[in-house]
Amino acid sequence: MNFDALLLSLRLASCVSLILLVIGLPLAYWLAYSRWRGKFLAEAVVALPLVLPPTVLGFYMLVAMGPRGPLGKFWQAAFGHGLAFTFTGLVLASVLYSLPFAVQPLISSFEGVDRTLLHASATLGAGRFKTFRRVILPLSLPGVVTALVLSFAHTLGEFGVVLMVGGNLPRVTRTVSIDIYDRVQSLDYAEANRLALLLLLTSFAVLSVVYGVNRRFGQRVWSSWPAR
């Protein structure tokens, strides 16, 4: 069994989910509380990967990362090597592809916070950042966990974008989904079945553990508030 491909997929999913958490928190906060009339355009851009075919997104990312693309030229000038068909390129493409899976749960959680608590925090003299850190974020932790697990699980099993941007380089860009595809193409169904089953069990275990912790943590958060 090719554990290198599985470890590469886990590494990719971990990097992407952490990066998306850093990017998604301020972006989701702005989308949830901004009063800008054109906000729907930003929401459409964030949600675009949900409806866009992965090959289309992967193609344009590949063009942007190529030697003549803006990202490729910048990366070549800054680091002396190309960006396409590298692990870093996979991370950047996967961050864009999994963006809505991190941002949308955060938006829903932020919008679900009782606005009277925000007004009370402002009345007590707390600024926006302090209100976010002391009120919004603690009450939205279930959404934060959901954003992490969805972006992790989505990245773990992605195929089209990875194939377009990273190709199939062993120990560099060959993720477990690409390896399964190779096994099927070579008629090695037994090994493909083992890898697919391993990926299935890994994804199920991650989802089960995180959603279980999320549910119990959410109950502790709300039980800390006095009953009325």
C-alpha atoms as a PDB file:
ATOM      1  CA  MET A   1       0.000   0.000   0.000  1.00  0.00           C
ATOM      2  CA  ASN A   2       1.269   3.448  -0.940  1.00  0.00           C
ATOM      3  CA  PHE A   3       1.339   5.306   2.353  1.00  0.00           C
ATOM      4  CA  ASP A   4       3.336   8.168   0.813  1.00  0.00           C
ATOM      5  CA  ALA A   5       0.274   9.287  -1.120  1.00  0.00           C
ATOM      6  CA  LEU A   6      -1.924   9.120   1.992  1.00  0.00           C
ATOM      7  CA  LEU A   7       0.581  11.064   4.091  1.00  0.00           C
ATOM      8  CA  LEU A   8       0.874  13.675   1.353  1.00  0.00           C
ATOM      9  CA  SER A   9      -2.914  14.022   1.268  1.00  0.00           C
ATOM     10  CA  LEU A  10      -3.071  14.410   5.051  1.00  0.00           C
ATOM     11  CA  ARG A  11      -0.302  16.996   4.952  1.00  0.00           C
ATOM     12  CA  LEU A  12      -2.051  18.909   2.183  1.00  0.00           C
ATOM     13  CA  ALA A  13      -5.422  18.834   3.953  1.00  0.00           C
ATOM     14  CA  SER A  14      -3.866  19.994   7.243  1.00  0.00           C
ATOM     15  CA  CYS A  15      -2.053  22.925   5.628  1.00  0.00           C
ATOM     16  CA  VAL A  16      -5.119  24.006   3.673  1.00  0.00           C
ATOM     17  CA  SER A  17      -7.523  23.814   6.620  1.00  0.00           C
ATOM     18  CA  LEU A  18      -5.208  25.885   8.851  1.00  0.00           C
ATOM     19  CA  ILE A  19      -4.627  28.506   6.157  1.00  0.00           C
ATOM     20  CA  LEU A  20      -8.351  28.707   5.470  1.00  0.00           C
ATOM     21  CA  LEU A  21      -9.037  29.236   9.169  1.00  0.00           C
ATOM     22  CA  VAL A  22      -6.685  32.224   9.213  1.00  0.00           C
ATOM     23  CA  ILE A  23      -8.181  33.635   6.005  1.00  0.00           C
ATOM     24  CA  GLY A  24     -11.765  32.622   6.689  1.00  0.00           C
ATOM     25  CA  LEU A  25     -12.232  34.225  10.116  1.00  0.00           C
ATOM     26  CA  PRO A  26     -11.798  37.872   9.035  1.00  0.00           C
ATOM     27  CA  LEU A  27     -13.466  37.259   5.675  1.00  0.00           C
ATOM     28  CA  ALA A  28     -16.501  35.592   7.241  1.00  0.00           C
ATOM     29  CA  TYR A  29     -16.724  38.333   9.882  1.00  0.00           C
ATOM     30  CA  TRP A  30     -16.803  40.993   7.175  1.00  0.00           C
ATOM     31  CA  LEU A  31     -19.393  39.120   5.112  1.00  0.00           C
ATOM     32  CA  ALA A  32     -21.568  38.533   8.163  1.00  0.00           C
ATOM     33  CA  TYR A  33     -21.590  42.089   9.504  1.00  0.00           C
ATOM     34  CA  SER A  34     -20.770  44.351   6.572  1.00  0.00           C
ATOM     35  CA  ARG A  35     -23.499  46.704   5.342  1.00  0.00           C
ATOM     36  CA  TRP A  36     -21.951  47.237   1.923  1.00  0.00           C
ATOM     37  CA  ARG A  37     -24.625  46.924  -0.756  1.00  0.00           C
ATOM     38  CA  GLY A  38     -22.313  45.102  -3.141  1.00  0.00           C
ATOM     39  CA  LYS A  39     -21.523  42.410  -0.578  1.00  0.00           C
ATOM     40  CA  PHE A  40     -23.464  39.876  -2.621  1.00  0.00           C
ATOM     41  CA  LEU A  41     -20.727  40.049  -5.281  1.00  0.00           C
ATOM     42  CA  ALA A  42     -18.089  39.010  -2.752  1.00  0.00           C
ATOM     43  CA  GLU A  43     -20.378  36.236  -1.512  1.00  0.00           C
ATOM     44  CA  ALA A  44     -20.771  35.004  -5.088  1.00  0.00           C
ATOM     45  CA  VAL A  45     -16.997  34.939  -5.600  1.00  0.00           C
ATOM     46  CA  VAL A  46     -16.487  32.974  -2.379  1.00  0.00           C
ATOM     47  CA  ALA A  47     -19.184  30.450  -3.337  1.00  0.00           C
ATOM     48  CA  LEU A  48     -18.031  30.108  -6.961  1.00  0.00           C
ATOM     49  CA  PRO A  49     -15.938  26.936  -6.375  1.00  0.00           C
ATOM     50  CA  LEU A  50     -19.123  25.156  -5.265  1.00  0.00           C
ATOM     51  CA  VAL A  51     -20.596  25.307  -8.769  1.00  0.00           C
ATOM     52  CA  LEU A  52     -17.472  25.656 -10.912  1.00  0.00           C
ATOM     53  CA  PRO A  53     -16.120  22.375 -12.377  1.00  0.00           C
ATOM     54  CA  PRO A  54     -12.785  21.501 -10.712  1.00  0.00           C
ATOM     55  CA  THR A  55     -11.105  21.173 -14.113  1.00  0.00           C
ATOM     56  CA  VAL A  56     -12.073  24.755 -15.005  1.00  0.00           C
ATOM     57  CA  LEU A  57     -10.738  26.122 -11.730  1.00  0.00           C
ATOM     58  CA  GLY A  58      -7.645  23.942 -12.035  1.00  0.00           C
ATOM     59  CA  PHE A  59      -7.016  25.109 -15.593  1.00  0.00           C
ATOM     60  CA  TYR A  60      -7.075  28.802 -14.697  1.00  0.00           C
ATOM     61  CA  MET A  61      -4.942  28.191 -11.624  1.00  0.00           C
ATOM     62  CA  LEU A  62      -2.461  26.319 -13.798  1.00  0.00           C
ATOM     63  CA  VAL A  63      -2.347  29.224 -16.259  1.00  0.00           C
ATOM     64  CA  ALA A  64      -1.811  31.702 -13.406  1.00  0.00           C
ATOM     65  CA  MET A  65       0.971  29.565 -11.920  1.00  0.00           C
ATOM     66  CA  GLY A  66       2.661  28.857 -15.241  1.00  0.00           C
ATOM     67  CA  PRO A  67       5.888  30.537 -16.366  1.00  0.00           C
ATOM     68  CA  ARG A  68       3.901  33.243 -18.167  1.00  0.00           C
ATOM     69  CA  GLY A  69       1.221  33.681 -15.503  1.00  0.00           C
ATOM     70  CA  PRO A  70       1.324  36.417 -12.858  1.00  0.00           C
ATOM     71  CA  LEU A  71       1.742  34.019  -9.925  1.00  0.00           C
ATOM     72  CA  GLY A  72       4.325  31.958 -11.801  1.00  0.00           C
ATOM     73  CA  LYS A  73       6.394  34.998 -12.748  1.00  0.00           C
ATOM     74  CA  PHE A  74       6.313  36.359  -9.218  1.00  0.00           C
ATOM     75  CA  TRP A  75       7.248  33.004  -7.698  1.00  0.00           C
ATOM     76  CA  GLN A  76      10.068  32.507 -10.172  1.00  0.00           C
ATOM     77  CA  ALA A  77      11.494  35.954  -9.421  1.00  0.00           C
ATOM     78  CA  ALA A  78      11.136  35.566  -5.652  1.00  0.00           C
ATOM     79  CA  PHE A  79      12.246  31.965  -5.136  1.00  0.00           C
ATOM     80  CA  GLY A  80      14.048  30.965  -8.321  1.00  0.00           C
ATOM     81  CA  HIS A  81      11.735  28.121  -9.326  1.00  0.00           C
ATOM     82  CA  GLY A  82       8.270  27.622 -10.743  1.00  0.00           C
ATOM     83  CA  LEU A  83       5.052  27.215  -8.814  1.00  0.00           C
ATOM     84  CA  ALA A  84       3.094  24.776 -10.985  1.00  0.00           C
ATOM     85  CA  PHE A  85       3.514  21.058 -10.267  1.00  0.00           C
ATOM     86  CA  THR A  86       4.801  21.715  -6.747  1.00  0.00           C
ATOM     87  CA  PHE A  87       3.318  21.055  -3.314  1.00  0.00           C
ATOM     88  CA  THR A  88       3.081  24.798  -2.679  1.00  0.00           C
ATOM     89  CA  GLY A  89       1.067  25.164  -5.867  1.00  0.00           C
ATOM     90  CA  LEU A  90      -1.262  22.425  -4.667  1.00  0.00           C
ATOM     91  CA  VAL A  91      -1.778  24.265  -1.384  1.00  0.00           C
ATOM     92  CA  LEU A  92      -2.637  27.553  -3.107  1.00  0.00           C
ATOM     93  CA  ALA A  93      -5.059  25.908  -5.526  1.00  0.00           C
ATOM     94  CA  SER A  94      -6.671  23.846  -2.759  1.00  0.00           C
ATOM     95  CA  VAL A  95      -7.126  26.926  -0.572  1.00  0.00           C
ATOM     96  CA  LEU A  96      -9.113  28.580  -3.352  1.00  0.00           C
ATOM     97  CA  TYR A  97     -11.073  25.400  -4.127  1.00  0.00           C
ATOM     98  CA  SER A  98     -12.046  24.721  -0.498  1.00  0.00           C
ATOM     99  CA  LEU A  99     -12.653  28.368   0.468  1.00  0.00           C
ATOM    100  CA  PRO A 100     -16.486  28.178   0.615  1.00  0.00           C
ATOM    101  CA  PHE A 101     -16.352  25.067   2.815  1.00  0.00           C
ATOM    102  CA  ALA A 102     -14.557  27.128   5.460  1.00  0.00           C
ATOM    103  CA  VAL A 103     -16.189  30.532   5.039  1.00  0.00           C
ATOM    104  CA  GLN A 104     -19.869  29.601   4.817  1.00  0.00           C
ATOM    105  CA  PRO A 105     -20.063  27.717   8.172  1.00  0.00           C
ATOM    106  CA  LEU A 106     -18.296  30.653   9.812  1.00  0.00           C
ATOM    107  CA  ILE A 107     -20.740  33.143   8.314  1.00  0.00           C
ATOM    108  CA  SER A 108     -23.693  31.099   9.574  1.00  0.00           C
ATOM    109  CA  SER A 109     -22.213  30.932  13.074  1.00  0.00           C
ATOM    110  CA  PHE A 110     -21.388  34.631  13.209  1.00  0.00           C
ATOM    111  CA  GLU A 111     -24.844  35.601  11.992  1.00  0.00           C
ATOM    112  CA  GLY A 112     -26.396  33.332  14.626  1.00  0.00           C
ATOM    113  CA  VAL A 113     -24.846  35.238  17.536  1.00  0.00           C
ATOM    114  CA  ASP A 114     -27.454  37.224  19.461  1.00  0.00           C
ATOM    115  CA  ARG A 115     -27.054  40.871  18.430  1.00  0.00           C
ATOM    116  CA  THR A 116     -28.077  42.074  21.909  1.00  0.00           C
ATOM    117  CA  LEU A 117     -24.828  40.587  23.216  1.00  0.00           C
ATOM    118  CA  LEU A 118     -22.893  42.628  20.664  1.00  0.00           C
ATOM    119  CA  HIS A 119     -24.753  45.788  21.629  1.00  0.00           C
ATOM    120  CA  ALA A 120     -24.109  45.072  25.307  1.00  0.00           C
ATOM    121  CA  SER A 121     -20.407  44.598  24.610  1.00  0.00           C
ATOM    122  CA  ALA A 122     -20.269  47.914  22.741  1.00  0.00           C
ATOM    123  CA  THR A 123     -22.150  49.638  25.558  1.00  0.00           C
ATOM    124  CA  LEU A 124     -19.522  48.409  28.016  1.00  0.00           C
ATOM    125  CA  GLY A 125     -16.830  50.053  25.906  1.00  0.00           C
ATOM    126  CA  ALA A 126     -15.410  47.038  24.085  1.00  0.00           C
ATOM    127  CA  GLY A 127     -14.108  47.610  20.580  1.00  0.00           C
ATOM    128  CA  ARG A 128     -14.840  45.414  17.576  1.00  0.00           C
ATOM    129  CA  PHE A 129     -11.789  43.206  17.989  1.00  0.00           C
ATOM    130  CA  LYS A 130     -12.387  42.675  21.702  1.00  0.00           C
ATOM    131  CA  THR A 131     -16.061  41.924  21.041  1.00  0.00           C
ATOM    132  CA  PHE A 132     -15.061  39.422  18.394  1.00  0.00           C
ATOM    133  CA  ARG A 133     -12.507  37.767  20.675  1.00  0.00           C
ATOM    134  CA  ARG A 134     -14.601  37.722  23.851  1.00  0.00           C
ATOM    135  CA  VAL A 135     -18.156  37.312  22.523  1.00  0.00           C
ATOM    136  CA  ILE A 136     -18.462  36.279  18.872  1.00  0.00           C
ATOM    137  CA  LEU A 137     -15.651  33.738  18.643  1.00  0.00           C
ATOM    138  CA  PRO A 138     -16.493  31.761  21.827  1.00  0.00           C
ATOM    139  CA  LEU A 139     -20.145  31.487  20.762  1.00  0.00           C
ATOM    140  CA  SER A 140     -19.117  30.463  17.239  1.00  0.00           C
ATOM    141  CA  LEU A 141     -16.649  27.718  18.132  1.00  0.00           C
ATOM    142  CA  PRO A 142     -18.910  24.938  16.785  1.00  0.00           C
ATOM    143  CA  GLY A 143     -18.886  26.744  13.444  1.00  0.00           C
ATOM    144  CA  VAL A 144     -15.112  27.092  13.603  1.00  0.00           C
ATOM    145  CA  VAL A 145     -14.742  23.360  14.155  1.00  0.00           C
ATOM    146  CA  THR A 146     -17.180  22.668  11.320  1.00  0.00           C
ATOM    147  CA  ALA A 147     -15.195  24.928   8.991  1.00  0.00           C
ATOM    148  CA  LEU A 148     -11.974  23.120   9.887  1.00  0.00           C
ATOM    149  CA  VAL A 149     -13.354  19.630   9.363  1.00  0.00           C
ATOM    150  CA  LEU A 150     -15.203  20.434   6.137  1.00  0.00           C
ATOM    151  CA  SER A 151     -12.189  22.087   4.545  1.00  0.00           C
ATOM    152  CA  PHE A 152      -9.964  19.241   5.736  1.00  0.00           C
ATOM    153  CA  ALA A 153     -12.254  16.502   4.445  1.00  0.00           C
ATOM    154  CA  HIS A 154     -12.922  18.287   1.165  1.00  0.00           C
ATOM    155  CA  THR A 155      -9.208  18.770   0.490  1.00  0.00           C
ATOM    156  CA  LEU A 156      -8.424  15.194   1.481  1.00  0.00           C
ATOM    157  CA  GLY A 157     -10.530  13.784  -1.328  1.00  0.00           C
ATOM    158  CA  GLU A 158     -10.154  16.386  -4.069  1.00  0.00           C
ATOM    159  CA  PHE A 159      -9.059  15.152  -7.477  1.00  0.00           C
ATOM    160  CA  GLY A 160      -9.618  17.505 -10.428  1.00  0.00           C
ATOM    161  CA  VAL A 161      -7.790  20.558  -9.148  1.00  0.00           C
ATOM    162  CA  VAL A 162      -4.916  18.454  -7.828  1.00  0.00           C
ATOM    163  CA  LEU A 163      -4.500  16.675 -11.156  1.00  0.00           C
ATOM    164  CA  MET A 164      -4.578  19.901 -13.185  1.00  0.00           C
ATOM    165  CA  VAL A 165      -2.228  21.934 -10.986  1.00  0.00           C
ATOM    166  CA  GLY A 166       0.052  19.265  -9.533  1.00  0.00           C
ATOM    167  CA  GLY A 167       0.085  16.489 -12.067  1.00  0.00           C
ATOM    168  CA  ASN A 168       1.241  13.134 -10.779  1.00  0.00           C
ATOM    169  CA  LEU A 169       4.695  13.419  -9.246  1.00  0.00           C
ATOM    170  CA  PRO A 170       5.497  10.728  -6.629  1.00  0.00           C
ATOM    171  CA  ARG A 171       6.038  12.140  -3.121  1.00  0.00           C
ATOM    172  CA  VAL A 172       5.472  15.673  -4.454  1.00  0.00           C
ATOM    173  CA  THR A 173       1.948  15.987  -5.861  1.00  0.00           C
ATOM    174  CA  ARG A 174       0.600  12.421  -6.059  1.00  0.00           C
ATOM    175  CA  THR A 175      -2.188  12.440  -3.507  1.00  0.00           C
ATOM    176  CA  VAL A 176      -4.179   9.375  -2.543  1.00  0.00           C
ATOM    177  CA  SER A 177      -7.027  10.244  -4.929  1.00  0.00           C
ATOM    178  CA  ILE A 178      -4.559  10.454  -7.825  1.00  0.00           C
ATOM    179  CA  ASP A 179      -2.981   7.184  -6.740  1.00  0.00           C
ATOM    180  CA  ILE A 180      -6.379   5.463  -6.721  1.00  0.00           C
ATOM    181  CA  TYR A 181      -7.015   6.753 -10.234  1.00  0.00           C
ATOM    182  CA  ASP A 182      -3.637   5.372 -11.374  1.00  0.00           C
ATOM    183  CA  ARG A 183      -4.417   1.975  -9.867  1.00  0.00           C
ATOM    184  CA  VAL A 184      -7.728   1.805 -11.680  1.00  0.00           C
ATOM    185  CA  GLN A 185      -6.105   2.846 -14.953  1.00  0.00           C
ATOM    186  CA  SER A 186      -3.576   0.029 -14.572  1.00  0.00           C
ATOM    187  CA  LEU A 187      -6.373  -2.441 -13.670  1.00  0.00           C
ATOM    188  CA  ASP A 188      -4.972  -2.920 -10.166  1.00  0.00           C
ATOM    189  CA  TYR A 189      -8.413  -2.990  -8.595  1.00  0.00           C
ATOM    190  CA  ALA A 190      -7.310  -4.764  -5.424  1.00  0.00           C
ATOM    191  CA  GLU A 191      -4.863  -2.023  -4.454  1.00  0.00           C
ATOM    192  CA  ALA A 192      -7.300   0.673  -5.579  1.00  0.00           C
ATOM    193  CA  ASN A 193      -9.933  -0.865  -3.318  1.00  0.00           C
ATOM    194  CA  ARG A 194      -7.562  -0.909  -0.336  1.00  0.00           C
ATOM    195  CA  LEU A 195      -6.614   2.736  -0.850  1.00  0.00           C
ATOM    196  CA  ALA A 196     -10.219   3.791  -1.385  1.00  0.00           C
ATOM    197  CA  LEU A 197     -11.333   1.928   1.732  1.00  0.00           C
ATOM    198  CA  LEU A 198      -8.513   3.508   3.752  1.00  0.00           C
ATOM    199  CA  LEU A 199      -9.489   6.967   2.533  1.00  0.00           C
ATOM    200  CA  LEU A 200     -13.139   6.251   3.303  1.00  0.00           C
ATOM    201  CA  LEU A 201     -12.388   5.102   6.852  1.00  0.00           C
ATOM    202  CA  THR A 202     -10.021   8.021   7.459  1.00  0.00           C
ATOM    203  CA  SER A 203     -12.580  10.550   6.284  1.00  0.00           C
ATOM    204  CA  PHE A 204     -15.350   8.916   8.313  1.00  0.00           C
ATOM    205  CA  ALA A 205     -13.176   8.832  11.447  1.00  0.00           C
ATOM    206  CA  VAL A 206     -12.228  12.494  11.106  1.00  0.00           C
ATOM    207  CA  LEU A 207     -15.830  13.567  10.590  1.00  0.00           C
ATOM    208  CA  SER A 208     -17.140  11.424  13.451  1.00  0.00           C
ATOM    209  CA  VAL A 209     -14.565  12.582  15.995  1.00  0.00           C
ATOM    210  CA  VAL A 210     -14.778  16.267  15.114  1.00  0.00           C
ATOM    211  CA  TYR A 211     -18.572  16.401  14.928  1.00  0.00           C
ATOM    212  CA  GLY A 212     -18.791  14.551  18.233  1.00  0.00           C
ATOM    213  CA  VAL A 213     -16.429  17.007  19.901  1.00  0.00           C
ATOM    214  CA  ASN A 214     -18.233  19.871  18.203  1.00  0.00           C
ATOM    215  CA  ARG A 215     -21.596  18.782  19.590  1.00  0.00           C
ATOM    216  CA  ARG A 216     -20.340  18.308  23.143  1.00  0.00           C
ATOM    217  CA  PHE A 217     -18.397  21.567  23.075  1.00  0.00           C
ATOM    218  CA  GLY A 218     -21.411  23.445  21.793  1.00  0.00           C
ATOM    219  CA  GLN A 219     -23.485  22.094  24.659  1.00  0.00           C
ATOM    220  CA  ARG A 220     -20.886  23.308  27.174  1.00  0.00           C
ATOM    221  CA  VAL A 221     -20.830  26.761  25.596  1.00  0.00           C
ATOM    222  CA  TRP A 222     -24.572  27.271  25.792  1.00  0.00           C
ATOM    223  CA  SER A 223     -24.949  25.619  29.200  1.00  0.00           C
ATOM    224  CA  SER A 224     -22.626  28.269  30.647  1.00  0.00           C
ATOM    225  CA  TRP A 225     -25.314  30.930  30.093  1.00  0.00           C
ATOM    226  CA  PRO A 226     -27.848  31.360  32.920  1.00  0.00           C
ATOM    227  CA  ALA A 227     -31.338  30.097  32.233  1.00  0.00           C
ATOM    228  CA  ARG A 228     -34.129  32.659  31.891  1.00  0.00           C
END
